Amino acid sequence: MVKAKYVGLSSTERSEIEILRNKGYSLRNIATALGRSPNTVSREVRVNSVLSEKTGKLEYVAKKAKAKSRLSRRSRRYQRHKIEQNPKLWLFVIEHLKLHWNPDEISKHPHISHLAPNHA
């Protein structure tokens, strides 16, 4: 089985998700309407929903979801640059990936904070 490359959601798709959620459609029905995987729609709603100022509940708003997604992408890029600019940190990460550590294990290792003082 060949996996298809993931293509991010467009602004139009995000707007459709918002409209259909407000009409009470299930995530699975929204995915079918968009021609997307239910997992894609579910993840989008889960990750990019925001807390409503009026109700105090999580809600999906297309414009806010797009902004949140863009911010997350920018943050990931920054972290990559931070690693690339620190040769000791770079080597530490590469060595531990070769030892089959996963990124979470590497990032939580106490040695990381000494190599990357601005690590968050």
PDB file of N, CA and C in Angstrom:
ATOM      1  N   MET A   1       0.843  -1.183   0.000  1.00  0.00           N
ATOM      2  CA  MET A   1       0.000   0.000   0.000  1.00  0.00           C
ATOM      3  C   MET A   1       0.890   1.249   0.000  1.00  0.00           C
ATOM      4  N   VAL A   2       0.592   2.178  -0.894  1.00  0.00           N
ATOM      5  CA  VAL A   2       1.354   3.416  -1.008  1.00  0.00           C
ATOM      6  C   VAL A   2       0.591   4.512  -0.285  1.00  0.00           C
ATOM      7  N   LYS A   3       1.287   5.175   0.634  1.00  0.00           N
ATOM      8  CA  LYS A   3       0.654   6.271   1.366  1.00  0.00           C
ATOM      9  C   LYS A   3       0.691   7.540   0.528  1.00  0.00           C
ATOM     10  N   ALA A   4      -0.418   8.231   0.479  1.00  0.00           N
ATOM     11  CA  ALA A   4      -0.470   9.502  -0.227  1.00  0.00           C
ATOM     12  C   ALA A   4       0.156  10.584   0.646  1.00  0.00           C
ATOM     13  N   LYS A   5       0.793  11.559   0.005  1.00  0.00           N
ATOM     14  CA  LYS A   5       1.394  12.654   0.749  1.00  0.00           C
ATOM     15  C   LYS A   5       0.278  13.553   1.284  1.00  0.00           C
ATOM     16  N   TYR A   6       0.403  13.934   2.562  1.00  0.00           N
ATOM     17  CA  TYR A   6      -0.607  14.791   3.180  1.00  0.00           C
ATOM     18  C   TYR A   6      -0.542  16.184   2.581  1.00  0.00           C
ATOM     19  N   VAL A   7      -1.685  16.705   2.229  1.00  0.00           N
ATOM     20  CA  VAL A   7      -1.803  18.085   1.741  1.00  0.00           C
ATOM     21  C   VAL A   7      -2.636  18.822   2.773  1.00  0.00           C
ATOM     22  N   GLY A   8      -2.102  19.930   3.276  1.00  0.00           N
ATOM     23  CA  GLY A   8      -2.799  20.692   4.304  1.00  0.00           C
ATOM     24  C   GLY A   8      -4.167  21.174   3.848  1.00  0.00           C
ATOM     25  N   LEU A   9      -4.988  21.482   4.817  1.00  0.00           N
ATOM     26  CA  LEU A   9      -6.329  21.973   4.521  1.00  0.00           C
ATOM     27  C   LEU A   9      -6.282  23.399   3.983  1.00  0.00           C
ATOM     28  N   SER A  10      -7.133  23.673   3.025  1.00  0.00           N
ATOM     29  CA  SER A  10      -7.220  25.019   2.455  1.00  0.00           C
ATOM     30  C   SER A  10      -8.151  25.875   3.317  1.00  0.00           C
ATOM     31  N   SER A  11      -8.140  27.168   3.064  1.00  0.00           N
ATOM     32  CA  SER A  11      -9.043  28.076   3.781  1.00  0.00           C
ATOM     33  C   SER A  11     -10.498  27.719   3.499  1.00  0.00           C
ATOM     34  N   THR A  12     -10.778  27.317   2.269  1.00  0.00           N
ATOM     35  CA  THR A  12     -12.135  26.925   1.894  1.00  0.00           C
ATOM     36  C   THR A  12     -12.576  25.696   2.680  1.00  0.00           C
ATOM     37  N   GLU A  13     -11.677  24.701   2.801  1.00  0.00           N
ATOM     38  CA  GLU A  13     -12.010  23.495   3.558  1.00  0.00           C
ATOM     39  C   GLU A  13     -12.237  23.828   5.032  1.00  0.00           C
ATOM     40  N   ARG A  14     -11.427  24.711   5.579  1.00  0.00           N
ATOM     41  CA  ARG A  14     -11.610  25.114   6.980  1.00  0.00           C
ATOM     42  C   ARG A  14     -12.961  25.813   7.165  1.00  0.00           C
ATOM     43  N   SER A  15     -13.317  26.648   6.209  1.00  0.00           N
ATOM     44  CA  SER A  15     -14.624  27.325   6.284  1.00  0.00           C
ATOM     45  C   SER A  15     -15.762  26.315   6.217  1.00  0.00           C
ATOM     46  N   GLU A  16     -15.620  25.319   5.344  1.00  0.00           N
ATOM     47  CA  GLU A  16     -16.636  24.270   5.238  1.00  0.00           C
ATOM     48  C   GLU A  16     -16.766  23.496   6.549  1.00  0.00           C
ATOM     49  N   ILE A  17     -15.632  23.192   7.167  1.00  0.00           N
ATOM     50  CA  ILE A  17     -15.657  22.488   8.452  1.00  0.00           C
ATOM     51  C   ILE A  17     -16.436  23.310   9.472  1.00  0.00           C
ATOM     52  N   GLU A  18     -16.137  24.601   9.538  1.00  0.00           N
ATOM     53  CA  GLU A  18     -16.831  25.472  10.495  1.00  0.00           C
ATOM     54  C   GLU A  18     -18.344  25.484  10.236  1.00  0.00           C
ATOM     55  N   ILE A  19     -18.734  25.653   8.983  1.00  0.00           N
ATOM     56  CA  ILE A  19     -20.157  25.714   8.632  1.00  0.00           C
ATOM     57  C   ILE A  19     -20.865  24.404   8.977  1.00  0.00           C
ATOM     58  N   LEU A  20     -20.246  23.298   8.576  1.00  0.00           N
ATOM     59  CA  LEU A  20     -20.880  22.002   8.804  1.00  0.00           C
ATOM     60  C   LEU A  20     -20.915  21.630  10.290  1.00  0.00           C
ATOM     61  N   ARG A  21     -19.882  22.019  11.044  1.00  0.00           N
ATOM     62  CA  ARG A  21     -19.898  21.780  12.505  1.00  0.00           C
ATOM     63  C   ARG A  21     -21.053  22.542  13.139  1.00  0.00           C
ATOM     64  N   ASN A  22     -21.226  23.802  12.711  1.00  0.00           N
ATOM     65  CA  ASN A  22     -22.312  24.630  13.258  1.00  0.00           C
ATOM     66  C   ASN A  22     -23.692  24.085  12.898  1.00  0.00           C
ATOM     67  N   LYS A  23     -23.779  23.339  11.794  1.00  0.00           N
ATOM     68  CA  LYS A  23     -25.047  22.720  11.399  1.00  0.00           C
ATOM     69  C   LYS A  23     -25.243  21.365  12.079  1.00  0.00           C
ATOM     70  N   GLY A  24     -24.258  20.928  12.870  1.00  0.00           N
ATOM     71  CA  GLY A  24     -24.406  19.693  13.618  1.00  0.00           C
ATOM     72  C   GLY A  24     -23.919  18.435  12.912  1.00  0.00           C
ATOM     73  N   TYR A  25     -23.201  18.586  11.807  1.00  0.00           N
ATOM     74  CA  TYR A  25     -22.680  17.415  11.093  1.00  0.00           C
ATOM     75  C   TYR A  25     -21.610  16.722  11.938  1.00  0.00           C
ATOM     76  N   SER A  26     -21.539  15.415  11.807  1.00  0.00           N
ATOM     77  CA  SER A  26     -20.485  14.657  12.503  1.00  0.00           C
ATOM     78  C   SER A  26     -19.165  14.865  11.751  1.00  0.00           C
ATOM     79  N   LEU A  27     -18.064  14.606  12.446  1.00  0.00           N
ATOM     80  CA  LEU A  27     -16.747  14.742  11.808  1.00  0.00           C
ATOM     81  C   LEU A  27     -16.625  13.797  10.616  1.00  0.00           C
ATOM     82  N   ARG A  28     -17.178  12.605  10.758  1.00  0.00           N
ATOM     83  CA  ARG A  28     -17.124  11.622   9.666  1.00  0.00           C
ATOM     84  C   ARG A  28     -17.893  12.135   8.437  1.00  0.00           C
ATOM     85  N   ASN A  29     -19.070  12.727   8.652  1.00  0.00           N
ATOM     86  CA  ASN A  29     -19.852  13.279   7.535  1.00  0.00           C
ATOM     87  C   ASN A  29     -19.153  14.473   6.900  1.00  0.00           C
ATOM     88  N   ILE A  30     -18.499  15.281   7.716  1.00  0.00           N
ATOM     89  CA  ILE A  30     -17.738  16.423   7.186  1.00  0.00           C
ATOM     90  C   ILE A  30     -16.603  15.904   6.314  1.00  0.00           C
ATOM     91  N   ALA A  31     -15.899  14.886   6.795  1.00  0.00           N
ATOM     92  CA  ALA A  31     -14.785  14.309   6.038  1.00  0.00           C
ATOM     93  C   ALA A  31     -15.271  13.790   4.688  1.00  0.00           C
ATOM     94  N   THR A  32     -16.399  13.115   4.684  1.00  0.00           N
ATOM     95  CA  THR A  32     -16.969  12.597   3.440  1.00  0.00           C
ATOM     96  C   THR A  32     -17.297  13.739   2.485  1.00  0.00           C
ATOM     97  N   ALA A  33     -17.904  14.799   2.999  1.00  0.00           N
ATOM     98  CA  ALA A  33     -18.267  15.956   2.172  1.00  0.00           C
ATOM     99  C   ALA A  33     -17.028  16.625   1.557  1.00  0.00           C
ATOM    100  N   LEU A  34     -15.934  16.624   2.304  1.00  0.00           N
ATOM    101  CA  LEU A  34     -14.702  17.263   1.818  1.00  0.00           C
ATOM    102  C   LEU A  34     -13.826  16.321   0.992  1.00  0.00           C
ATOM    103  N   GLY A  35     -14.140  15.034   1.049  1.00  0.00           N
ATOM    104  CA  GLY A  35     -13.281  14.061   0.368  1.00  0.00           C
ATOM    105  C   GLY A  35     -11.961  13.879   1.102  1.00  0.00           C
ATOM    106  N   ARG A  36     -12.009  14.004   2.421  1.00  0.00           N
ATOM    107  CA  ARG A  36     -10.825  13.878   3.281  1.00  0.00           C
ATOM    108  C   ARG A  36     -10.990  12.708   4.226  1.00  0.00           C
ATOM    109  N   SER A  37      -9.892  12.291   4.815  1.00  0.00           N
ATOM    110  CA  SER A  37      -9.929  11.240   5.823  1.00  0.00           C
ATOM    111  C   SER A  37     -10.608  11.776   7.082  1.00  0.00           C
ATOM    112  N   PRO A  38     -11.410  10.948   7.740  1.00  0.00           N
ATOM    113  CA  PRO A  38     -11.998  11.376   9.012  1.00  0.00           C
ATOM    114  C   PRO A  38     -10.915  11.748  10.035  1.00  0.00           C
ATOM    115  N   ASN A  39      -9.767  11.069   9.966  1.00  0.00           N
ATOM    116  CA  ASN A  39      -8.660  11.391  10.879  1.00  0.00           C
ATOM    117  C   ASN A  39      -8.148  12.808  10.656  1.00  0.00           C
ATOM    118  N   THR A  40      -8.084  13.238   9.394  1.00  0.00           N
ATOM    119  CA  THR A  40      -7.613  14.585   9.074  1.00  0.00           C
ATOM    120  C   THR A  40      -8.546  15.632   9.666  1.00  0.00           C
ATOM    121  N   VAL A  41      -9.840  15.434   9.465  1.00  0.00           N
ATOM    122  CA  VAL A  41     -10.832  16.397   9.966  1.00  0.00           C
ATOM    123  C   VAL A  41     -10.842  16.401  11.488  1.00  0.00           C
ATOM    124  N   SER A  42     -10.793  15.216  12.083  1.00  0.00           N
ATOM    125  CA  SER A  42     -10.790  15.101  13.541  1.00  0.00           C
ATOM    126  C   SER A  42      -9.582  15.814  14.136  1.00  0.00           C
ATOM    127  N   ARG A  43      -8.407  15.576  13.559  1.00  0.00           N
ATOM    128  CA  ARG A  43      -7.190  16.211  14.067  1.00  0.00           C
ATOM    129  C   ARG A  43      -7.274  17.736  13.920  1.00  0.00           C
ATOM    130  N   GLU A  44      -7.749  18.191  12.761  1.00  0.00           N
ATOM    131  CA  GLU A  44      -7.883  19.631  12.522  1.00  0.00           C
ATOM    132  C   GLU A  44      -8.755  20.286  13.587  1.00  0.00           C
ATOM    133  N   VAL A  45      -9.894  19.695  13.858  1.00  0.00           N
ATOM    134  CA  VAL A  45     -10.820  20.266  14.841  1.00  0.00           C
ATOM    135  C   VAL A  45     -10.212  20.197  16.246  1.00  0.00           C
ATOM    136  N   ARG A  46      -9.591  19.075  16.572  1.00  0.00           N
ATOM    137  CA  ARG A  46      -9.012  18.896  17.913  1.00  0.00           C
ATOM    138  C   ARG A  46      -7.845  19.864  18.152  1.00  0.00           C
ATOM    139  N   VAL A  47      -6.956  19.977  17.185  1.00  0.00           N
ATOM    140  CA  VAL A  47      -5.731  20.760  17.377  1.00  0.00           C
ATOM    141  C   VAL A  47      -5.959  22.261  17.211  1.00  0.00           C
ATOM    142  N   ASN A  48      -6.849  22.636  16.292  1.00  0.00           N
ATOM    143  CA  ASN A  48      -6.983  24.062  15.970  1.00  0.00           C
ATOM    144  C   ASN A  48      -8.251  24.731  16.499  1.00  0.00           C
ATOM    145  N   SER A  49      -8.974  24.061  17.378  1.00  0.00           N
ATOM    146  CA  SER A  49     -10.114  24.717  18.025  1.00  0.00           C
ATOM    147  C   SER A  49      -9.587  25.683  19.087  1.00  0.00           C
ATOM    148  N   VAL A  50     -10.384  26.685  19.386  1.00  0.00           N
ATOM    149  CA  VAL A  50      -9.983  27.700  20.367  1.00  0.00           C
ATOM    150  C   VAL A  50     -11.085  27.858  21.418  1.00  0.00           C
ATOM    151  N   LEU A  51     -10.714  28.404  22.546  1.00  0.00           N
ATOM    152  CA  LEU A  51     -11.655  28.628  23.638  1.00  0.00           C
ATOM    153  C   LEU A  51     -12.512  29.855  23.320  1.00  0.00           C
ATOM    154  N   SER A  52     -13.813  29.680  23.350  1.00  0.00           N
ATOM    155  CA  SER A  52     -14.737  30.780  23.086  1.00  0.00           C
ATOM    156  C   SER A  52     -14.745  31.742  24.267  1.00  0.00           C
ATOM    157  N   GLU A  53     -14.669  33.034  23.982  1.00  0.00           N
ATOM    158  CA  GLU A  53     -14.717  34.038  25.049  1.00  0.00           C
ATOM    159  C   GLU A  53     -16.122  34.124  25.641  1.00  0.00           C
ATOM    160  N   LYS A  54     -17.131  33.842  24.817  1.00  0.00           N
ATOM    161  CA  LYS A  54     -18.518  33.946  25.276  1.00  0.00           C
ATOM    162  C   LYS A  54     -18.951  32.741  26.113  1.00  0.00           C
ATOM    163  N   THR A  55     -18.687  31.540  25.587  1.00  0.00           N
ATOM    164  CA  THR A  55     -19.200  30.330  26.243  1.00  0.00           C
ATOM    165  C   THR A  55     -18.175  29.634  27.125  1.00  0.00           C
ATOM    166  N   GLY A  56     -16.889  29.908  26.902  1.00  0.00           N
ATOM    167  CA  GLY A  56     -15.844  29.228  27.662  1.00  0.00           C
ATOM    168  C   GLY A  56     -15.612  27.797  27.195  1.00  0.00           C
ATOM    169  N   LYS A  57     -16.211  27.436  26.050  1.00  0.00           N
ATOM    170  CA  LYS A  57     -16.048  26.094  25.482  1.00  0.00           C
ATOM    171  C   LYS A  57     -15.186  26.161  24.230  1.00  0.00           C
ATOM    172  N   LEU A  58     -14.626  24.998  23.872  1.00  0.00           N
ATOM    173  CA  LEU A  58     -13.843  24.938  22.639  1.00  0.00           C
ATOM    174  C   LEU A  58     -14.769  25.067  21.439  1.00  0.00           C
ATOM    175  N   GLU A  59     -14.349  25.856  20.460  1.00  0.00           N
ATOM    176  CA  GLU A  59     -15.111  26.003  19.228  1.00  0.00           C
ATOM    177  C   GLU A  59     -14.153  26.036  18.050  1.00  0.00           C
ATOM    178  N   TYR A  60     -14.648  25.664  16.892  1.00  0.00           N
ATOM    179  CA  TYR A  60     -13.834  25.680  15.680  1.00  0.00           C
ATOM    180  C   TYR A  60     -14.234  26.877  14.841  1.00  0.00           C
ATOM    181  N   VAL A  61     -13.297  27.808  14.660  1.00  0.00           N
ATOM    182  CA  VAL A  61     -13.510  29.005  13.848  1.00  0.00           C
ATOM    183  C   VAL A  61     -12.423  28.990  12.775  1.00  0.00           C
ATOM    184  N   ALA A  62     -12.839  28.966  11.513  1.00  0.00           N
ATOM    185  CA  ALA A  62     -11.912  28.781  10.397  1.00  0.00           C
ATOM    186  C   ALA A  62     -10.744  29.769  10.408  1.00  0.00           C
ATOM    187  N   LYS A  63     -11.018  31.057  10.583  1.00  0.00           N
ATOM    188  CA  LYS A  63      -9.942  32.059  10.560  1.00  0.00           C
ATOM    189  C   LYS A  63      -8.949  31.843  11.697  1.00  0.00           C
ATOM    190  N   LYS A  64      -9.469  31.531  12.871  1.00  0.00           N
ATOM    191  CA  LYS A  64      -8.597  31.292  14.034  1.00  0.00           C
ATOM    192  C   LYS A  64      -7.817  29.997  13.861  1.00  0.00           C
ATOM    193  N   ALA A  65      -8.456  28.994  13.250  1.00  0.00           N
ATOM    194  CA  ALA A  65      -7.787  27.712  13.013  1.00  0.00           C
ATOM    195  C   ALA A  65      -6.617  27.896  12.054  1.00  0.00           C
ATOM    196  N   LYS A  66      -6.814  28.701  11.023  1.00  0.00           N
ATOM    197  CA  LYS A  66      -5.743  28.955  10.059  1.00  0.00           C
ATOM    198  C   LYS A  66      -4.580  29.672  10.743  1.00  0.00           C
ATOM    199  N   ALA A  67      -4.884  30.667  11.560  1.00  0.00           N
ATOM    200  CA  ALA A  67      -3.837  31.416  12.270  1.00  0.00           C
ATOM    201  C   ALA A  67      -3.079  30.510  13.240  1.00  0.00           C
ATOM    202  N   LYS A  68      -3.815  29.663  13.945  1.00  0.00           N
ATOM    203  CA  LYS A  68      -3.197  28.744  14.905  1.00  0.00           C
ATOM    204  C   LYS A  68      -2.285  27.746  14.186  1.00  0.00           C
ATOM    205  N   SER A  69      -2.751  27.255  13.051  1.00  0.00           N
ATOM    206  CA  SER A  69      -1.962  26.318  12.249  1.00  0.00           C
ATOM    207  C   SER A  69      -0.683  26.976  11.732  1.00  0.00           C
ATOM    208  N   ARG A  70      -0.803  28.212  11.268  1.00  0.00           N
ATOM    209  CA  ARG A  70       0.363  28.946  10.748  1.00  0.00           C
ATOM    210  C   ARG A  70       1.385  29.184  11.862  1.00  0.00           C
ATOM    211  N   LEU A  71       0.907  29.544  13.033  1.00  0.00           N
ATOM    212  CA  LEU A  71       1.797  29.777  14.177  1.00  0.00           C
ATOM    213  C   LEU A  71       2.542  28.497  14.562  1.00  0.00           C
ATOM    214  N   SER A  72       1.828  27.385  14.572  1.00  0.00           N
ATOM    215  CA  SER A  72       2.434  26.097  14.905  1.00  0.00           C
ATOM    216  C   SER A  72       3.519  25.729  13.901  1.00  0.00           C
ATOM    217  N   ARG A  73       3.234  25.952  12.615  1.00  0.00           N
ATOM    218  CA  ARG A  73       4.210  25.657  11.560  1.00  0.00           C
ATOM    219  C   ARG A  73       5.464  26.528  11.723  1.00  0.00           C
ATOM    220  N   ARG A  74       5.244  27.805  12.033  1.00  0.00           N
ATOM    221  CA  ARG A  74       6.366  28.728  12.235  1.00  0.00           C
ATOM    222  C   ARG A  74       7.232  28.300  13.415  1.00  0.00           C
ATOM    223  N   SER A  75       6.584  27.855  14.478  1.00  0.00           N
ATOM    224  CA  SER A  75       7.292  27.414  15.671  1.00  0.00           C
ATOM    225  C   SER A  75       8.153  26.188  15.386  1.00  0.00           C
ATOM    226  N   ARG A  76       7.615  25.236  14.606  1.00  0.00           N
ATOM    227  CA  ARG A  76       8.396  24.039  14.254  1.00  0.00           C
ATOM    228  C   ARG A  76       9.634  24.424  13.455  1.00  0.00           C
ATOM    229  N   ARG A  77       9.473  25.384  12.545  1.00  0.00           N
ATOM    230  CA  ARG A  77      10.612  25.841  11.746  1.00  0.00           C
ATOM    231  C   ARG A  77      11.690  26.447  12.644  1.00  0.00           C
ATOM    232  N   TYR A  78      11.275  27.246  13.626  1.00  0.00           N
ATOM    233  CA  TYR A  78      12.217  27.885  14.537  1.00  0.00           C
ATOM    234  C   TYR A  78      13.015  26.837  15.311  1.00  0.00           C
ATOM    235  N   GLN A  79      12.336  25.791  15.789  1.00  0.00           N
ATOM    236  CA  GLN A  79      13.022  24.752  16.549  1.00  0.00           C
ATOM    237  C   GLN A  79      14.075  24.065  15.692  1.00  0.00           C
ATOM    238  N   ARG A  80      13.761  23.817  14.413  1.00  0.00           N
ATOM    239  CA  ARG A  80      14.729  23.192  13.517  1.00  0.00           C
ATOM    240  C   ARG A  80      15.958  24.077  13.359  1.00  0.00           C
ATOM    241  N   HIS A  81      15.754  25.378  13.186  1.00  0.00           N
ATOM    242  CA  HIS A  81      16.883  26.299  13.023  1.00  0.00           C
ATOM    243  C   HIS A  81      17.743  26.335  14.277  1.00  0.00           C
ATOM    244  N   LYS A  82      17.099  26.257  15.439  1.00  0.00           N
ATOM    245  CA  LYS A  82      17.831  26.278  16.704  1.00  0.00           C
ATOM    246  C   LYS A  82      18.781  25.073  16.777  1.00  0.00           C
ATOM    247  N   ILE A  83      18.311  23.926  16.344  1.00  0.00           N
ATOM    248  CA  ILE A  83      19.147  22.722  16.350  1.00  0.00           C
ATOM    249  C   ILE A  83      20.272  22.849  15.328  1.00  0.00           C
ATOM    250  N   GLU A  84      19.957  23.356  14.145  1.00  0.00           N
ATOM    251  CA  GLU A  84      20.955  23.471  13.082  1.00  0.00           C
ATOM    252  C   GLU A  84      22.077  24.440  13.449  1.00  0.00           C
ATOM    253  N   GLN A  85      21.798  25.433  14.262  1.00  0.00           N
ATOM    254  CA  GLN A  85      22.793  26.437  14.617  1.00  0.00           C
ATOM    255  C   GLN A  85      23.669  26.033  15.794  1.00  0.00           C
ATOM    256  N   ASN A  86      23.391  24.885  16.399  1.00  0.00           N
ATOM    257  CA  ASN A  86      24.157  24.440  17.553  1.00  0.00           C
ATOM    258  C   ASN A  86      24.750  23.064  17.229  1.00  0.00           C
ATOM    259  N   PRO A  87      26.042  23.011  16.802  1.00  0.00           N
ATOM    260  CA  PRO A  87      26.646  21.743  16.380  1.00  0.00           C
ATOM    261  C   PRO A  87      26.594  20.644  17.450  1.00  0.00           C
ATOM    262  N   LYS A  88      26.791  20.992  18.726  1.00  0.00           N
ATOM    263  CA  LYS A  88      26.748  19.980  19.785  1.00  0.00           C
ATOM    264  C   LYS A  88      25.345  19.399  19.928  1.00  0.00           C
ATOM    265  N   LEU A  89      24.357  20.264  19.873  1.00  0.00           N
ATOM    266  CA  LEU A  89      22.970  19.821  19.958  1.00  0.00           C
ATOM    267  C   LEU A  89      22.622  18.947  18.749  1.00  0.00           C
ATOM    268  N   TRP A  90      23.053  19.379  17.576  1.00  0.00           N
ATOM    269  CA  TRP A  90      22.812  18.636  16.336  1.00  0.00           C
ATOM    270  C   TRP A  90      23.375  17.212  16.448  1.00  0.00           C
ATOM    271  N   LEU A  91      24.616  17.100  16.896  1.00  0.00           N
ATOM    272  CA  LEU A  91      25.250  15.782  17.036  1.00  0.00           C
ATOM    273  C   LEU A  91      24.527  14.918  18.068  1.00  0.00           C
ATOM    274  N   PHE A  92      24.142  15.523  19.181  1.00  0.00           N
ATOM    275  CA  PHE A  92      23.421  14.795  20.217  1.00  0.00           C
ATOM    276  C   PHE A  92      22.128  14.206  19.656  1.00  0.00           C
ATOM    277  N   VAL A  93      21.376  15.012  18.919  1.00  0.00           N
ATOM    278  CA  VAL A  93      20.106  14.563  18.347  1.00  0.00           C
ATOM    279  C   VAL A  93      20.343  13.441  17.337  1.00  0.00           C
ATOM    280  N   ILE A  94      21.302  13.626  16.440  1.00  0.00           N
ATOM    281  CA  ILE A  94      21.593  12.615  15.418  1.00  0.00           C
ATOM    282  C   ILE A  94      22.023  11.299  16.064  1.00  0.00           C
ATOM    283  N   GLU A  95      22.928  11.385  17.039  1.00  0.00           N
ATOM    284  CA  GLU A  95      23.412  10.171  17.705  1.00  0.00           C
ATOM    285  C   GLU A  95      22.268   9.403  18.363  1.00  0.00           C
ATOM    286  N   HIS A  96      21.372  10.108  19.009  1.00  0.00           N
ATOM    287  CA  HIS A  96      20.278   9.442  19.712  1.00  0.00           C
ATOM    288  C   HIS A  96      19.188   8.941  18.760  1.00  0.00           C
ATOM    289  N   LEU A  97      19.008   9.603  17.637  1.00  0.00           N
ATOM    290  CA  LEU A  97      18.085   9.075  16.632  1.00  0.00           C
ATOM    291  C   LEU A  97      18.624   7.763  16.064  1.00  0.00           C
ATOM    292  N   LYS A  98      19.953   7.700  15.884  1.00  0.00           N
ATOM    293  CA  LYS A  98      20.571   6.458  15.397  1.00  0.00           C
ATOM    294  C   LYS A  98      20.409   5.326  16.411  1.00  0.00           C
ATOM    295  N   LEU A  99      20.285   5.689  17.700  1.00  0.00           N
ATOM    296  CA  LEU A  99      20.057   4.689  18.752  1.00  0.00           C
ATOM    297  C   LEU A  99      18.572   4.351  18.895  1.00  0.00           C
ATOM    298  N   HIS A 100      17.757   4.862  17.953  1.00  0.00           N
ATOM    299  CA  HIS A 100      16.318   4.618  17.899  1.00  0.00           C
ATOM    300  C   HIS A 100      15.536   5.278  19.028  1.00  0.00           C
ATOM    301  N   TRP A 101      16.062   6.380  19.559  1.00  0.00           N
ATOM    302  CA  TRP A 101      15.291   7.170  20.517  1.00  0.00           C
ATOM    303  C   TRP A 101      14.250   7.940  19.699  1.00  0.00           C
ATOM    304  N   ASN A 102      13.094   8.190  20.289  1.00  0.00           N
ATOM    305  CA  ASN A 102      12.131   9.025  19.571  1.00  0.00           C
ATOM    306  C   ASN A 102      12.354  10.491  19.970  1.00  0.00           C
ATOM    307  N   PRO A 103      11.843  11.430  19.179  1.00  0.00           N
ATOM    308  CA  PRO A 103      12.083  12.850  19.462  1.00  0.00           C
ATOM    309  C   PRO A 103      11.660  13.294  20.864  1.00  0.00           C
ATOM    310  N   ASP A 104      10.570  12.725  21.402  1.00  0.00           N
ATOM    311  CA  ASP A 104      10.143  13.092  22.758  1.00  0.00           C
ATOM    312  C   ASP A 104      11.181  12.675  23.791  1.00  0.00           C
ATOM    313  N   GLU A 105      11.742  11.482  23.636  1.00  0.00           N
ATOM    314  CA  GLU A 105      12.776  11.015  24.565  1.00  0.00           C
ATOM    315  C   GLU A 105      13.997  11.922  24.511  1.00  0.00           C
ATOM    316  N   ILE A 106      14.359  12.317  23.306  1.00  0.00           N
ATOM    317  CA  ILE A 106      15.534  13.187  23.131  1.00  0.00           C
ATOM    318  C   ILE A 106      15.275  14.554  23.759  1.00  0.00           C
ATOM    319  N   SER A 107      14.108  15.132  23.485  1.00  0.00           N
ATOM    320  CA  SER A 107      13.824  16.489  23.965  1.00  0.00           C
ATOM    321  C   SER A 107      13.729  16.568  25.484  1.00  0.00           C
ATOM    322  N   LYS A 108      13.355  15.448  26.136  1.00  0.00           N
ATOM    323  CA  LYS A 108      13.204  15.451  27.599  1.00  0.00           C
ATOM    324  C   LYS A 108      14.476  15.037  28.329  1.00  0.00           C
ATOM    325  N   HIS A 109      15.513  14.696  27.572  1.00  0.00           N
ATOM    326  CA  HIS A 109      16.774  14.284  28.195  1.00  0.00           C
ATOM    327  C   HIS A 109      17.399  15.494  28.897  1.00  0.00           C
ATOM    328  N   PRO A 110      17.875  15.341  30.121  1.00  0.00           N
ATOM    329  CA  PRO A 110      18.436  16.473  30.874  1.00  0.00           C
ATOM    330  C   PRO A 110      19.606  17.149  30.153  1.00  0.00           C
ATOM    331  N   HIS A 111      20.337  16.403  29.347  1.00  0.00           N
ATOM    332  CA  HIS A 111      21.494  16.949  28.644  1.00  0.00           C
ATOM    333  C   HIS A 111      21.093  18.037  27.649  1.00  0.00           C
ATOM    334  N   ILE A 112      19.881  17.957  27.130  1.00  0.00           N
ATOM    335  CA  ILE A 112      19.405  18.925  26.139  1.00  0.00           C
ATOM    336  C   ILE A 112      19.420  20.340  26.691  1.00  0.00           C
ATOM    337  N   SER A 113      19.004  20.530  27.922  1.00  0.00           N
ATOM    338  CA  SER A 113      18.933  21.881  28.485  1.00  0.00           C
ATOM    339  C   SER A 113      20.312  22.528  28.579  1.00  0.00           C
ATOM    340  N   HIS A 114      21.363  21.725  28.714  1.00  0.00           N
ATOM    341  CA  HIS A 114      22.713  22.282  28.751  1.00  0.00           C
ATOM    342  C   HIS A 114      23.192  22.656  27.357  1.00  0.00           C
ATOM    343  N   LEU A 115      22.732  21.913  26.355  1.00  0.00           N
ATOM    344  CA  LEU A 115      23.141  22.185  24.978  1.00  0.00           C
ATOM    345  C   LEU A 115      22.343  23.327  24.367  1.00  0.00           C
ATOM    346  N   ALA A 116      21.100  23.460  24.778  1.00  0.00           N
ATOM    347  CA  ALA A 116      20.223  24.488  24.230  1.00  0.00           C
ATOM    348  C   ALA A 116      19.595  25.288  25.364  1.00  0.00           C
ATOM    349  N   PRO A 117      20.280  26.329  25.838  1.00  0.00           N
ATOM    350  CA  PRO A 117      19.788  27.075  27.003  1.00  0.00           C
ATOM    351  C   PRO A 117      18.408  27.690  26.813  1.00  0.00           C
ATOM    352  N   ASN A 118      17.988  27.923  25.581  1.00  0.00           N
ATOM    353  CA  ASN A 118      16.671  28.522  25.344  1.00  0.00           C
ATOM    354  C   ASN A 118      15.611  27.483  25.078  1.00  0.00           C
ATOM    355  N   HIS A 119      15.902  26.213  25.389  1.00  0.00           N
ATOM    356  CA  HIS A 119      14.957  25.119  25.120  1.00  0.00           C
ATOM    357  C   HIS A 119      13.677  25.312  25.925  1.00  0.00           C
ATOM    358  N   ALA A 120      12.566  25.174  25.221  1.00  0.00           N
ATOM    359  CA  ALA A 120      11.263  25.335  25.910  1.00  0.00           C
ATOM    360  C   ALA A 120      10.484  24.059  25.855  1.00  0.00           C
TER     361      ALA A 120
END
